[in-house]
Protein backbone atom coordinates (compact mmCIF):
# COMPACT_ATOMS: atom_id res chain seq x y z
CA MET A 1 33.12 -25.09 -16.73
CA ASP A 2 35.29 -28.10 -16.69
CA ASN A 3 33.70 -31.41 -16.69
CA ASP A 4 35.32 -32.01 -13.02
CA LYS A 5 33.46 -28.71 -11.78
CA ILE A 6 30.12 -29.97 -13.62
CA ILE A 7 30.41 -33.20 -11.86
CA ARG A 8 31.16 -31.84 -8.46
CA LEU A 9 28.05 -29.21 -8.91
CA LYS A 10 25.87 -32.53 -9.58
CA SER A 11 26.70 -34.42 -6.64
CA PHE A 12 26.49 -31.47 -4.12
CA PHE A 13 22.81 -31.00 -5.48
CA LYS A 14 22.25 -34.73 -5.47
CA ASP A 15 23.17 -35.18 -1.51
CA PRO A 16 19.98 -35.08 0.43
CA ILE A 17 21.62 -33.58 3.19
CA ILE A 18 22.44 -30.57 1.37
CA SER A 19 19.51 -30.45 -0.99
CA VAL A 20 16.35 -30.35 1.25
CA PRO A 21 17.64 -28.09 4.01
CA LEU A 22 18.70 -25.61 0.79
CA ALA A 23 15.28 -25.81 -0.65
CA VAL A 24 13.49 -26.03 3.07
CA SER A 25 15.47 -22.66 3.79
CA LEU A 26 14.63 -20.91 0.22
CA LEU A 27 10.88 -21.72 0.90
CA ILE A 28 11.12 -20.37 4.31
CA ASP A 29 12.83 -16.77 3.03
CA ALA A 30 10.17 -16.63 0.28
CA GLY A 31 7.36 -17.32 2.97
CA LEU A 32 9.14 -14.66 5.30
CA TRP A 33 9.09 -12.09 2.30
CA TRP A 34 5.15 -12.68 1.34
CA LEU A 35 4.26 -12.64 5.00
CA LEU A 36 6.14 -9.44 5.76
CA TYR A 37 5.66 -7.73 2.94
CA THR A 38 1.48 -8.15 2.62
CA LYS A 39 1.18 -7.33 6.21
CA PHE A 40 3.15 -4.09 6.31
CA HIS A 41 3.54 -2.75 2.60
CA GLY A 42 2.17 1.00 2.32
CA GLN A 43 1.83 1.44 5.96
CA THR A 44 2.16 5.27 6.59
CA ASP A 45 2.87 5.11 10.34
CA TYR A 46 5.88 3.14 12.01
CA VAL A 47 5.70 -0.03 12.07
CA PRO A 48 7.28 -2.74 14.87
CA LEU A 49 11.07 -3.44 13.94
CA HIS A 50 11.95 -5.55 16.56
CA TYR A 51 10.58 -7.93 19.09
CA ASN A 52 11.74 -8.96 22.69
CA ILE A 53 10.23 -11.60 24.82
CA TYR A 54 10.67 -9.82 28.02
CA PHE A 55 9.51 -6.15 26.91
CA GLY A 56 7.73 -6.91 23.39
CA ILE A 57 7.87 -4.58 20.49
CA ASP A 58 10.53 -2.24 21.26
CA LEU A 59 11.71 -0.92 18.34
CA PHE A 60 9.81 1.13 15.67
CA GLY A 61 10.20 2.45 12.19
CA PRO A 62 9.23 3.00 8.50
CA TRP A 63 7.53 -0.35 6.97
CA TYR A 64 10.39 -1.18 4.42
CA LYS A 65 13.00 -1.61 7.11
CA ILE A 66 11.02 -4.47 8.22
CA LEU A 67 12.17 -6.42 5.27
CA LEU A 68 15.61 -6.25 6.58
CA ILE A 69 14.81 -9.54 7.87
CA PRO A 70 14.19 -11.68 5.31
CA LEU A 71 16.88 -9.73 3.12
CA SER A 72 19.38 -10.75 5.89
CA GLY A 73 17.91 -14.30 5.18
CA LEU A 74 18.83 -14.22 1.75
CA ALA A 75 22.50 -13.11 2.61
CA PHE A 76 22.89 -15.83 4.96
CA PHE A 77 21.86 -18.12 2.37
CA PHE A 78 24.07 -17.05 -0.37
CA ILE A 79 27.42 -17.01 2.13
CA ASN A 80 26.46 -20.04 3.34
CA PHE A 81 25.73 -21.80 0.06
CA GLY A 82 28.70 -20.39 -1.45
CA LEU A 83 31.02 -21.42 1.37
CA SER A 84 29.33 -24.89 1.45
CA LEU A 85 29.87 -25.40 -2.42
CA ILE A 86 33.35 -24.36 -2.15
CA MET A 87 34.30 -26.79 0.81
CA TYR A 88 31.85 -29.69 -0.43
CA LYS A 89 34.94 -31.23 -2.26
CA ARG A 90 37.38 -31.21 0.85
CA VAL A 91 35.03 -31.67 4.04
CA LYS A 92 31.32 -32.68 3.34
CA MET A 93 30.59 -32.54 6.87
CA PHE A 94 31.43 -28.72 6.90
CA SER A 95 29.12 -28.45 4.08
CA HIS A 96 26.44 -30.25 6.07
CA ILE A 97 27.15 -28.22 9.11
CA LEU A 98 26.78 -24.92 7.14
CA ILE A 99 23.52 -25.91 5.21
CA ILE A 100 21.78 -27.07 8.21
CA GLY A 101 22.81 -23.90 10.00
CA LEU A 102 21.23 -21.89 7.16
CA CYS A 103 18.11 -23.58 7.58
CA LEU A 104 18.23 -23.55 11.30
CA SER A 105 18.75 -19.47 10.54
CA GLU A 106 15.89 -19.45 8.43
CA LEU A 107 13.61 -20.71 10.99
CA ILE A 108 14.45 -18.16 13.77
CA LEU A 109 14.37 -15.39 11.24
CA LEU A 110 10.69 -16.69 10.28
CA GLY A 111 9.96 -17.08 14.17
CA ALA A 112 10.75 -13.07 14.63
CA GLY A 113 8.69 -12.24 11.80
CA TYR A 114 5.62 -14.29 13.13
CA LEU A 115 6.03 -12.71 16.50
CA ILE A 116 6.43 -9.11 15.33
CA VAL A 117 3.07 -9.90 12.87
CA ARG A 118 1.07 -11.49 15.95
CA GLU A 119 2.15 -8.65 18.05
CA LEU A 120 0.49 -6.50 15.38
CA ILE A 121 -2.33 -7.99 15.16
CA VAL A 122 -2.73 -8.40 19.03
């Protein structure tokens, strides 16, 4: 890596509008992995996979498919992180929007996981 790329990477991570939501997104995704894995690991029966606010749980399947929720969050993370890193030098505002959107999408996924776990407990 040449010096210009290293400087750009350092300025990318020193930007608080990038680094704080990025760290929050990672923590949310890690928490979601932990929540769903600990609640559903080893279940032999079908578990709820989708929660609808009108009808409640409307999709069931094997326990490991519940991990598609945090896996999609991880995919969002890598896609948005890569795109914002590429766009940071050209348009910083676009990078900021991508990272903040990533944090919001992780919050939505956390809410979906929480609602599924809450319905299971009730």
